[in-house]
Amino acid sequence: MPLVPTVLWAQRSDKLYLTIDVQDVKDQSCDLEDEKLAFKGKAGTEQNEYSLDLTFNAAVDSKSEDSKISITPRNIFIIIKKKESGHWPRLTKESGRHLTHIKCDWDKWVDEDEEDEKPEADFSGMDFSSFGGMGGMGGMGGMGGMGGMGGLGGMDFSNFGGEDEGGAEAEEELEDSDNEELPDLVKP
């Protein structure tokens, strides 16, 4: 029986960002339709089979040029254009505890009311060149060598960890200003 990979998702009003968490995937196929996404592939030292079928909460534009995929040694990243703008309450039509493999990608997530304030994420470093439409993407190449992250860019950590320069005052500023009493817990 194939394993179900973890899927991280985030959204903007016009796009979905999906990350299928499968490392070193081989013999993959990814088929995007307006209502669903189907993924199959083998990964790991034992070449475990992975399979994923998602039925989207609403229709997507599977033929759009904005819908792209990048297969890397770490995961599979997909950008999918929504047919109609708007935020979805969840990724799939199904809901409930049995969908433990679907998680929010808080690094890419932007709330509906914050969307105008934050610029769209920059995925220009991703290699989408081998992608020309979402349908039947078997045997696609991944990203070339990705350089490591740079240093900390001159950040000054000299004031951390000590209370010699207003540490108590700073601590008071961090306290929650909402000091209301909490109600007693009711035992079931």
N, C-alpha and C. Protein backbone atom coordinates (compact mmCIF):
# COMPACT_ATOMS: atom_id res chain seq x y z
N MET A 1 0.84 -1.18 0.00
CA MET A 1 0.00 0.00 0.00
C MET A 1 0.89 1.25 0.00
N PRO A 2 0.63 2.18 -0.91
CA PRO A 2 1.47 3.38 -1.00
C PRO A 2 1.32 4.27 0.25
N LEU A 3 2.40 4.98 0.56
CA LEU A 3 2.38 5.94 1.66
C LEU A 3 1.79 7.27 1.18
N VAL A 4 1.18 8.01 2.09
CA VAL A 4 0.63 9.33 1.76
C VAL A 4 1.61 10.38 2.27
N PRO A 5 2.16 11.22 1.37
CA PRO A 5 3.13 12.23 1.81
C PRO A 5 2.45 13.40 2.52
N THR A 6 3.22 14.08 3.35
CA THR A 6 2.73 15.29 4.00
C THR A 6 2.69 16.40 2.95
N VAL A 7 1.61 17.20 2.99
CA VAL A 7 1.45 18.33 2.08
C VAL A 7 1.33 19.59 2.91
N LEU A 8 2.21 20.55 2.65
CA LEU A 8 2.13 21.87 3.27
C LEU A 8 1.46 22.79 2.27
N TRP A 9 0.49 23.61 2.74
CA TRP A 9 -0.18 24.50 1.81
C TRP A 9 -0.32 25.90 2.38
N ALA A 10 -0.30 26.87 1.48
CA ALA A 10 -0.53 28.26 1.81
C ALA A 10 -1.30 28.85 0.63
N GLN A 11 -1.86 30.03 0.85
CA GLN A 11 -2.63 30.62 -0.24
C GLN A 11 -2.53 32.14 -0.25
N ARG A 12 -2.77 32.67 -1.41
CA ARG A 12 -3.05 34.08 -1.64
C ARG A 12 -4.44 34.09 -2.26
N SER A 13 -5.00 35.24 -2.48
CA SER A 13 -6.35 35.26 -3.04
C SER A 13 -6.40 34.66 -4.44
N ASP A 14 -5.26 34.69 -5.16
CA ASP A 14 -5.26 34.19 -6.54
C ASP A 14 -4.46 32.91 -6.75
N LYS A 15 -3.72 32.43 -5.73
CA LYS A 15 -2.84 31.27 -5.93
C LYS A 15 -2.82 30.36 -4.71
N LEU A 16 -2.45 29.11 -4.96
CA LEU A 16 -2.15 28.14 -3.91
C LEU A 16 -0.66 27.82 -4.00
N TYR A 17 -0.06 27.58 -2.84
CA TYR A 17 1.33 27.12 -2.78
C TYR A 17 1.32 25.78 -2.07
N LEU A 18 1.72 24.72 -2.77
CA LEU A 18 1.76 23.38 -2.19
C LEU A 18 3.19 22.88 -2.16
N THR A 19 3.56 22.24 -1.06
CA THR A 19 4.84 21.57 -0.95
C THR A 19 4.56 20.13 -0.58
N ILE A 20 4.92 19.21 -1.47
CA ILE A 20 4.78 17.78 -1.19
C ILE A 20 6.11 17.33 -0.60
N ASP A 21 6.07 16.89 0.64
CA ASP A 21 7.28 16.58 1.39
C ASP A 21 7.75 15.15 1.11
N VAL A 22 8.40 14.98 -0.03
CA VAL A 22 9.00 13.70 -0.42
C VAL A 22 10.41 14.01 -0.92
N GLN A 23 11.42 13.39 -0.29
CA GLN A 23 12.80 13.67 -0.66
C GLN A 23 13.31 12.67 -1.68
N ASP A 24 14.14 13.17 -2.58
CA ASP A 24 14.77 12.35 -3.62
C ASP A 24 13.76 11.49 -4.38
N VAL A 25 12.72 12.12 -4.85
CA VAL A 25 11.65 11.40 -5.55
C VAL A 25 12.12 10.95 -6.93
N LYS A 26 11.71 9.77 -7.30
CA LYS A 26 12.02 9.18 -8.61
C LYS A 26 10.72 8.67 -9.23
N ASP A 27 10.71 8.50 -10.52
CA ASP A 27 9.56 7.96 -11.23
C ASP A 27 8.26 8.67 -10.83
N GLN A 28 8.33 9.99 -10.71
CA GLN A 28 7.17 10.74 -10.27
C GLN A 28 6.25 11.09 -11.42
N SER A 29 4.98 11.22 -11.09
CA SER A 29 4.01 11.78 -12.02
C SER A 29 3.09 12.67 -11.21
N CYS A 30 2.74 13.78 -11.80
CA CYS A 30 1.90 14.75 -11.12
C CYS A 30 0.89 15.24 -12.15
N ASP A 31 -0.38 15.02 -11.88
CA ASP A 31 -1.42 15.38 -12.83
C ASP A 31 -2.38 16.36 -12.17
N LEU A 32 -2.43 17.58 -12.70
CA LEU A 32 -3.30 18.62 -12.17
C LEU A 32 -4.49 18.80 -13.10
N GLU A 33 -5.65 18.74 -12.52
CA GLU A 33 -6.89 19.04 -13.22
C GLU A 33 -7.55 20.19 -12.48
N ASP A 34 -8.61 20.74 -13.04
CA ASP A 34 -9.27 21.89 -12.42
C ASP A 34 -9.85 21.58 -11.04
N GLU A 35 -10.18 20.35 -10.76
CA GLU A 35 -10.77 20.00 -9.47
C GLU A 35 -9.84 19.22 -8.55
N LYS A 36 -8.74 18.65 -9.10
CA LYS A 36 -7.93 17.78 -8.24
C LYS A 36 -6.47 17.72 -8.68
N LEU A 37 -5.66 17.17 -7.77
CA LEU A 37 -4.25 16.93 -8.01
C LEU A 37 -3.95 15.48 -7.65
N ALA A 38 -3.27 14.78 -8.54
CA ALA A 38 -2.86 13.40 -8.27
C ALA A 38 -1.34 13.33 -8.40
N PHE A 39 -0.69 12.76 -7.41
CA PHE A 39 0.77 12.61 -7.40
C PHE A 39 1.11 11.16 -7.08
N LYS A 40 2.12 10.64 -7.77
CA LYS A 40 2.69 9.32 -7.47
C LYS A 40 4.18 9.40 -7.67
N GLY A 41 4.91 8.66 -6.86
CA GLY A 41 6.35 8.64 -7.01
C GLY A 41 6.98 7.66 -6.04
N LYS A 42 8.26 7.41 -6.24
CA LYS A 42 9.04 6.53 -5.35
C LYS A 42 10.15 7.36 -4.73
N ALA A 43 10.43 7.08 -3.45
CA ALA A 43 11.45 7.85 -2.76
C ALA A 43 12.07 7.04 -1.65
N GLY A 44 13.21 7.52 -1.19
CA GLY A 44 13.89 6.87 -0.07
C GLY A 44 14.82 5.78 -0.54
N THR A 45 15.61 5.27 0.40
CA THR A 45 16.57 4.22 0.07
C THR A 45 15.88 2.92 -0.32
N GLU A 46 14.69 2.70 0.22
CA GLU A 46 13.95 1.48 -0.10
C GLU A 46 12.97 1.68 -1.25
N GLN A 47 13.02 2.88 -1.86
CA GLN A 47 12.11 3.23 -2.96
C GLN A 47 10.65 2.96 -2.59
N ASN A 48 10.24 3.53 -1.45
CA ASN A 48 8.85 3.44 -1.02
C ASN A 48 7.95 4.15 -2.02
N GLU A 49 6.77 3.60 -2.24
CA GLU A 49 5.80 4.23 -3.13
C GLU A 49 4.99 5.25 -2.36
N TYR A 50 4.78 6.42 -2.97
CA TYR A 50 3.97 7.48 -2.40
C TYR A 50 2.84 7.79 -3.38
N SER A 51 1.68 8.08 -2.82
CA SER A 51 0.52 8.42 -3.64
C SER A 51 -0.30 9.48 -2.92
N LEU A 52 -0.79 10.45 -3.67
CA LEU A 52 -1.57 11.54 -3.10
C LEU A 52 -2.67 11.91 -4.08
N ASP A 53 -3.90 12.00 -3.59
CA ASP A 53 -5.04 12.47 -4.37
C ASP A 53 -5.74 13.55 -3.57
N LEU A 54 -5.75 14.78 -4.10
CA LEU A 54 -6.41 15.90 -3.44
C LEU A 54 -7.55 16.39 -4.32
N THR A 55 -8.73 16.55 -3.73
CA THR A 55 -9.85 17.19 -4.41
C THR A 55 -9.96 18.59 -3.82
N PHE A 56 -9.69 19.60 -4.63
CA PHE A 56 -9.61 20.97 -4.15
C PHE A 56 -10.96 21.49 -3.66
N ASN A 57 -10.90 22.44 -2.75
CA ASN A 57 -12.10 23.06 -2.18
C ASN A 57 -12.88 23.82 -3.25
N ALA A 58 -12.18 24.37 -4.22
CA ALA A 58 -12.80 25.08 -5.35
C ALA A 58 -11.94 24.82 -6.58
N ALA A 59 -12.41 25.27 -7.73
CA ALA A 59 -11.71 25.01 -8.98
C ALA A 59 -10.43 25.84 -9.10
N VAL A 60 -9.43 25.24 -9.75
CA VAL A 60 -8.18 25.92 -10.06
C VAL A 60 -8.03 25.99 -11.58
N ASP A 61 -7.09 26.79 -12.05
CA ASP A 61 -6.85 26.92 -13.48
C ASP A 61 -5.62 26.09 -13.84
N SER A 62 -5.85 24.84 -14.17
CA SER A 62 -4.75 23.92 -14.43
C SER A 62 -3.97 24.26 -15.71
N LYS A 63 -4.55 25.02 -16.60
CA LYS A 63 -3.89 25.35 -17.87
C LYS A 63 -3.16 26.69 -17.82
N SER A 64 -3.25 27.42 -16.72
CA SER A 64 -2.64 28.74 -16.61
C SER A 64 -1.12 28.66 -16.65
N GLU A 65 -0.50 29.70 -17.22
CA GLU A 65 0.95 29.80 -17.22
C GLU A 65 1.49 30.07 -15.82
N ASP A 66 0.62 30.56 -14.93
CA ASP A 66 1.03 30.84 -13.55
C ASP A 66 1.10 29.56 -12.70
N SER A 67 0.54 28.45 -13.20
CA SER A 67 0.62 27.18 -12.48
C SER A 67 1.94 26.51 -12.86
N LYS A 68 2.79 26.26 -11.83
CA LYS A 68 4.16 25.78 -12.08
C LYS A 68 4.55 24.72 -11.05
N ILE A 69 5.59 23.97 -11.37
CA ILE A 69 6.10 22.96 -10.45
C ILE A 69 7.63 23.00 -10.45
N SER A 70 8.21 22.70 -9.29
CA SER A 70 9.66 22.58 -9.16
C SER A 70 9.94 21.33 -8.34
N ILE A 71 10.67 20.39 -8.92
CA ILE A 71 11.03 19.16 -8.22
C ILE A 71 12.49 19.27 -7.81
N THR A 72 12.73 19.21 -6.50
CA THR A 72 14.07 19.34 -5.96
C THR A 72 14.41 18.08 -5.17
N PRO A 73 15.65 17.92 -4.76
CA PRO A 73 15.99 16.76 -3.92
C PRO A 73 15.27 16.78 -2.57
N ARG A 74 14.83 17.95 -2.11
CA ARG A 74 14.18 18.05 -0.79
C ARG A 74 12.68 17.85 -0.83
N ASN A 75 12.00 18.33 -1.91
CA ASN A 75 10.55 18.26 -1.98
C ASN A 75 10.06 18.63 -3.37
N ILE A 76 8.75 18.68 -3.51
CA ILE A 76 8.11 19.11 -4.75
C ILE A 76 7.30 20.35 -4.40
N PHE A 77 7.58 21.46 -5.07
CA PHE A 77 6.89 22.72 -4.80
C PHE A 77 6.03 23.06 -6.00
N ILE A 78 4.75 23.38 -5.74
CA ILE A 78 3.80 23.65 -6.82
C ILE A 78 3.09 24.98 -6.54
N ILE A 79 3.01 25.81 -7.56
CA ILE A 79 2.19 27.02 -7.51
C ILE A 79 1.01 26.77 -8.44
N ILE A 80 -0.20 27.00 -7.92
CA ILE A 80 -1.41 26.73 -8.70
C ILE A 80 -2.28 27.97 -8.71
N LYS A 81 -2.67 28.40 -9.89
CA LYS A 81 -3.55 29.56 -10.06
C LYS A 81 -4.99 29.15 -9.77
N LYS A 82 -5.67 29.94 -8.93
CA LYS A 82 -7.10 29.71 -8.65
C LYS A 82 -7.93 30.25 -9.81
N LYS A 83 -9.06 29.60 -10.09
CA LYS A 83 -9.96 30.10 -11.13
C LYS A 83 -10.62 31.38 -10.70
N GLU A 84 -11.07 31.43 -9.44
CA GLU A 84 -11.72 32.62 -8.91
C GLU A 84 -10.94 33.10 -7.70
N SER A 85 -10.72 34.41 -7.63
CA SER A 85 -9.99 34.97 -6.49
C SER A 85 -10.81 34.84 -5.21
N GLY A 86 -10.09 34.67 -4.13
CA GLY A 86 -10.73 34.57 -2.82
C GLY A 86 -9.98 33.57 -1.96
N HIS A 87 -10.13 33.71 -0.66
CA HIS A 87 -9.47 32.81 0.26
C HIS A 87 -10.37 31.62 0.58
N TRP A 88 -9.76 30.46 0.62
CA TRP A 88 -10.48 29.22 0.91
C TRP A 88 -10.39 28.93 2.40
N PRO A 89 -11.44 28.35 2.99
CA PRO A 89 -11.37 27.98 4.41
C PRO A 89 -10.49 26.76 4.64
N ARG A 90 -10.29 25.94 3.62
CA ARG A 90 -9.42 24.77 3.70
C ARG A 90 -9.01 24.37 2.28
N LEU A 91 -8.00 23.53 2.17
CA LEU A 91 -7.47 23.14 0.86
C LEU A 91 -8.41 22.20 0.11
N THR A 92 -8.99 21.25 0.81
CA THR A 92 -9.81 20.23 0.15
C THR A 92 -11.27 20.33 0.55
N LYS A 93 -12.12 19.67 -0.22
CA LYS A 93 -13.54 19.63 0.13
C LYS A 93 -13.76 18.80 1.39
N GLU A 94 -12.94 17.78 1.57
CA GLU A 94 -13.06 16.93 2.75
C GLU A 94 -12.57 17.69 3.97
N SER A 95 -13.15 17.38 5.09
CA SER A 95 -12.67 17.96 6.34
C SER A 95 -12.69 16.87 7.40
N GLY A 96 -11.96 17.09 8.46
CA GLY A 96 -11.96 16.13 9.55
C GLY A 96 -10.58 15.69 9.96
N ARG A 97 -10.54 14.86 10.97
CA ARG A 97 -9.28 14.40 11.54
C ARG A 97 -8.50 13.46 10.63
N HIS A 98 -9.14 12.83 9.68
CA HIS A 98 -8.43 11.87 8.83
C HIS A 98 -7.47 12.54 7.85
N LEU A 99 -7.47 13.86 7.76
CA LEU A 99 -6.58 14.57 6.84
C LEU A 99 -5.35 15.08 7.58
N THR A 100 -4.72 14.22 8.34
CA THR A 100 -3.55 14.62 9.13
C THR A 100 -2.32 14.88 8.28
N HIS A 101 -2.34 14.50 7.01
CA HIS A 101 -1.19 14.72 6.13
C HIS A 101 -1.20 16.11 5.50
N ILE A 102 -2.26 16.90 5.71
CA ILE A 102 -2.35 18.25 5.15
C ILE A 102 -2.13 19.25 6.29
N LYS A 103 -1.12 20.12 6.10
CA LYS A 103 -0.76 21.10 7.13
C LYS A 103 -0.57 22.47 6.50
N CYS A 104 -0.77 23.50 7.29
CA CYS A 104 -0.54 24.88 6.82
C CYS A 104 0.96 25.15 6.76
N ASP A 105 1.37 25.83 5.72
CA ASP A 105 2.75 26.27 5.57
C ASP A 105 2.82 27.72 6.05
N TRP A 106 3.07 27.90 7.34
CA TRP A 106 3.01 29.23 7.94
C TRP A 106 4.11 30.15 7.42
N ASP A 107 5.17 29.60 6.83
CA ASP A 107 6.22 30.45 6.26
C ASP A 107 5.74 31.20 5.01
N LYS A 108 4.78 30.63 4.31
CA LYS A 108 4.28 31.25 3.08
C LYS A 108 2.88 31.83 3.25
N TRP A 109 2.22 31.53 4.35
CA TRP A 109 0.83 31.92 4.56
C TRP A 109 0.70 33.43 4.74
N VAL A 110 -0.32 34.01 4.11
CA VAL A 110 -0.67 35.41 4.29
C VAL A 110 -2.17 35.48 4.48
N ASP A 111 -2.60 36.10 5.59
CA ASP A 111 -4.03 36.26 5.84
C ASP A 111 -4.64 37.20 4.83
N GLU A 112 -5.93 37.05 4.63
CA GLU A 112 -6.65 37.84 3.65
C GLU A 112 -6.52 39.34 3.91
N ASP A 113 -6.58 39.75 5.17
CA ASP A 113 -6.51 41.17 5.49
C ASP A 113 -5.08 41.72 5.44
N GLU A 114 -4.08 40.87 5.36
CA GLU A 114 -2.68 41.30 5.30
C GLU A 114 -2.10 41.21 3.89
N GLU A 115 -2.87 40.71 2.96
CA GLU A 115 -2.35 40.45 1.63
C GLU A 115 -1.85 41.69 0.92
N ASP A 116 -2.50 42.83 1.11
CA ASP A 116 -2.07 44.06 0.45
C ASP A 116 -0.79 44.61 1.07
N GLU A 117 -0.54 44.28 2.34
CA GLU A 117 0.62 44.80 3.06
C GLU A 117 1.90 44.05 2.73
N LYS A 118 1.79 42.75 2.48
CA LYS A 118 2.98 41.93 2.25
C LYS A 118 3.15 41.66 0.76
N PRO A 119 4.36 41.84 0.25
CA PRO A 119 4.59 41.53 -1.16
C PRO A 119 4.52 40.02 -1.39
N GLU A 120 4.24 39.66 -2.62
CA GLU A 120 4.18 38.24 -2.95
C GLU A 120 5.56 37.62 -2.78
N ALA A 121 5.58 36.38 -2.33
CA ALA A 121 6.84 35.68 -2.09
C ALA A 121 7.65 35.62 -3.39
N ASP A 122 8.96 35.65 -3.25
CA ASP A 122 9.86 35.61 -4.40
C ASP A 122 10.33 34.18 -4.61
N PHE A 123 9.83 33.57 -5.68
CA PHE A 123 10.24 32.22 -6.01
C PHE A 123 11.09 32.23 -7.28
N SER A 124 11.76 33.36 -7.54
CA SER A 124 12.55 33.49 -8.75
C SER A 124 13.74 32.53 -8.76
N GLY A 125 14.20 32.09 -7.59
CA GLY A 125 15.32 31.17 -7.54
C GLY A 125 14.93 29.73 -7.83
N MET A 126 13.65 29.47 -7.95
CA MET A 126 13.18 28.11 -8.20
C MET A 126 13.29 27.82 -9.70
N ASP A 127 13.59 26.58 -10.02
CA ASP A 127 13.74 26.19 -11.42
C ASP A 127 12.42 25.63 -11.92
N PHE A 128 11.66 26.46 -12.61
CA PHE A 128 10.41 26.03 -13.21
C PHE A 128 10.58 25.85 -14.72
N SER A 129 11.83 25.85 -15.20
CA SER A 129 12.09 25.85 -16.64
C SER A 129 11.65 24.57 -17.33
N SER A 130 11.65 23.46 -16.63
CA SER A 130 11.28 22.20 -17.27
C SER A 130 9.79 21.96 -17.19
N PHE A 131 9.06 23.00 -16.90
CA PHE A 131 7.64 22.88 -16.68
C PHE A 131 6.88 23.66 -17.73
N GLY A 132 6.01 22.99 -18.44
CA GLY A 132 5.22 23.69 -19.45
C GLY A 132 3.78 23.26 -19.38
N GLY A 133 3.14 23.46 -18.27
CA GLY A 133 1.78 22.97 -18.05
C GLY A 133 1.82 21.87 -17.03
N MET A 134 0.75 21.68 -16.29
CA MET A 134 0.78 20.76 -15.17
C MET A 134 0.49 19.32 -15.55
N GLY A 135 -0.19 19.05 -16.63
CA GLY A 135 -0.63 17.69 -16.92
C GLY A 135 0.51 16.74 -17.20
N GLY A 136 0.50 15.56 -16.59
CA GLY A 136 1.43 14.48 -16.85
C GLY A 136 2.89 14.87 -16.76
N MET A 137 3.39 15.12 -15.57
CA MET A 137 4.73 15.65 -15.42
C MET A 137 5.74 14.59 -15.05
N GLY A 138 5.66 13.43 -15.57
CA GLY A 138 6.58 12.37 -15.20
C GLY A 138 8.00 12.67 -15.63
N GLY A 139 8.96 12.28 -14.81
CA GLY A 139 10.37 12.35 -15.15
C GLY A 139 10.94 13.75 -15.31
N MET A 140 10.42 14.72 -14.58
CA MET A 140 10.92 16.07 -14.72
C MET A 140 12.17 16.29 -13.88
N GLY A 141 13.09 17.10 -14.38
CA GLY A 141 14.31 17.40 -13.65
C GLY A 141 14.05 18.38 -12.52
N GLY A 142 14.94 18.41 -11.57
CA GLY A 142 14.78 19.30 -10.42
C GLY A 142 15.69 20.50 -10.50
N MET A 143 15.89 21.12 -9.39
CA MET A 143 16.72 22.31 -9.31
C MET A 143 18.19 21.92 -9.23
N GLY A 144 19.00 22.72 -9.83
CA GLY A 144 20.44 22.50 -9.75
C GLY A 144 20.95 22.85 -8.36
N GLY A 145 22.25 22.95 -8.21
CA GLY A 145 22.84 23.22 -6.90
C GLY A 145 22.35 24.52 -6.31
N MET A 146 21.80 24.43 -5.14
CA MET A 146 21.32 25.64 -4.44
C MET A 146 22.39 26.00 -3.44
N GLY A 147 22.85 27.21 -3.50
CA GLY A 147 23.84 27.66 -2.54
C GLY A 147 23.28 27.71 -1.14
N GLY A 148 24.11 27.62 -0.15
CA GLY A 148 23.66 27.71 1.23
C GLY A 148 23.28 29.13 1.59
N MET A 149 22.68 29.26 2.75
CA MET A 149 22.29 30.59 3.22
C MET A 149 23.54 31.34 3.66
N GLY A 150 23.51 32.62 3.49
CA GLY A 150 24.63 33.45 3.88
C GLY A 150 24.69 33.60 5.39
N GLY A 151 25.61 34.41 5.86
CA GLY A 151 25.74 34.65 7.29
C GLY A 151 24.58 35.46 7.82
N LEU A 152 24.74 35.99 9.02
CA LEU A 152 23.66 36.73 9.65
C LEU A 152 23.69 38.20 9.31
N GLY A 153 24.46 38.59 8.35
CA GLY A 153 24.41 39.94 7.81
C GLY A 153 24.70 41.05 8.80
N GLY A 154 25.66 40.86 9.67
CA GLY A 154 26.07 41.92 10.58
C GLY A 154 25.11 42.18 11.72
N MET A 155 24.29 41.23 12.10
CA MET A 155 23.38 41.43 13.22
C MET A 155 24.18 41.55 14.51
N ASP A 156 23.76 42.46 15.38
CA ASP A 156 24.46 42.72 16.63
C ASP A 156 23.75 42.01 17.77
N PHE A 157 24.37 40.97 18.31
CA PHE A 157 23.81 40.20 19.40
C PHE A 157 24.41 40.59 20.75
N SER A 158 25.16 41.67 20.81
CA SER A 158 25.87 42.03 22.04
C SER A 158 24.93 42.41 23.18
N ASN A 159 23.71 42.86 22.88
CA ASN A 159 22.79 43.28 23.94
C ASN A 159 21.86 42.17 24.40
N PHE A 160 21.96 40.98 23.82
CA PHE A 160 21.09 39.89 24.21
C PHE A 160 21.67 39.15 25.41
N GLY A 161 20.77 38.69 26.29
CA GLY A 161 21.19 37.82 27.39
C GLY A 161 21.57 38.54 28.65
N GLY A 162 21.65 39.85 28.68
CA GLY A 162 22.04 40.56 29.90
C GLY A 162 21.00 41.58 30.28
N GLU A 163 20.99 41.93 31.57
CA GLU A 163 20.05 42.94 32.04
C GLU A 163 20.79 44.21 32.41
N ASP A 164 21.99 44.40 31.87
CA ASP A 164 22.77 45.56 32.25
C ASP A 164 22.25 46.85 31.64
N GLU A 165 21.56 46.78 30.52
CA GLU A 165 21.06 47.99 29.88
C GLU A 165 19.55 47.93 29.73
N GLY A 166 18.84 48.15 30.82
CA GLY A 166 17.38 48.24 30.76
C GLY A 166 16.69 46.93 30.52
N GLY A 167 17.25 45.83 30.93
CA GLY A 167 16.64 44.52 30.71
C GLY A 167 15.29 44.39 31.39
N ALA A 168 15.16 44.90 32.62
CA ALA A 168 13.89 44.80 33.34
C ALA A 168 12.83 45.66 32.66
N GLU A 169 13.23 46.84 32.16
CA GLU A 169 12.28 47.69 31.47
C GLU A 169 11.79 47.04 30.18
N ALA A 170 12.70 46.43 29.45
CA ALA A 170 12.32 45.75 28.22
C ALA A 170 11.40 44.58 28.51
N GLU A 171 11.65 43.88 29.61
CA GLU A 171 10.82 42.74 29.97
C GLU A 171 9.40 43.20 30.29
N GLU A 172 9.27 44.34 30.97
CA GLU A 172 7.94 44.87 31.28
C GLU A 172 7.18 45.23 30.01
N GLU A 173 7.88 45.75 29.00
CA GLU A 173 7.23 46.11 27.75
C GLU A 173 6.69 44.88 27.03
N LEU A 174 7.33 43.72 27.21
CA LEU A 174 6.90 42.51 26.54
C LEU A 174 5.70 41.86 27.20
N GLU A 175 5.37 42.25 28.44
CA GLU A 175 4.25 41.63 29.13
C GLU A 175 2.96 41.92 28.38
N ASP A 176 2.03 41.00 28.50
CA ASP A 176 0.74 41.13 27.87
C ASP A 176 -0.03 42.27 28.51
N SER A 177 -0.51 43.21 27.71
CA SER A 177 -1.25 44.34 28.25
C SER A 177 -2.68 43.96 28.63
N ASP A 178 -3.11 42.81 28.21
CA ASP A 178 -4.46 42.34 28.52
C ASP A 178 -4.39 41.45 29.76
N ASN A 179 -4.47 42.06 30.94
CA ASN A 179 -4.30 41.33 32.19
C ASN A 179 -5.61 40.92 32.83
N GLU A 180 -6.60 40.63 32.04
CA GLU A 180 -7.88 40.21 32.57
C GLU A 180 -7.76 38.82 33.20
N GLU A 181 -8.63 38.58 34.19
CA GLU A 181 -8.68 37.27 34.82
C GLU A 181 -9.30 36.27 33.84
N LEU A 182 -8.77 35.09 33.79
CA LEU A 182 -9.33 34.03 32.95
C LEU A 182 -10.41 33.30 33.72
N PRO A 183 -11.46 32.83 33.06
CA PRO A 183 -12.50 32.09 33.76
C PRO A 183 -11.98 30.74 34.22
N ASP A 184 -12.60 30.17 35.25
CA ASP A 184 -12.22 28.84 35.73
C ASP A 184 -12.57 27.80 34.69
N LEU A 185 -11.72 26.80 34.60
CA LEU A 185 -11.96 25.69 33.67
C LEU A 185 -13.07 24.82 34.21
N VAL A 186 -13.93 24.35 33.34
CA VAL A 186 -15.03 23.48 33.73
C VAL A 186 -14.63 22.06 33.38
N LYS A 187 -14.72 21.17 34.36
CA LYS A 187 -14.37 19.78 34.10
C LYS A 187 -15.53 19.09 33.42
N PRO A 188 -15.24 18.28 32.40
CA PRO A 188 -16.33 17.59 31.68
C PRO A 188 -16.98 16.51 32.51
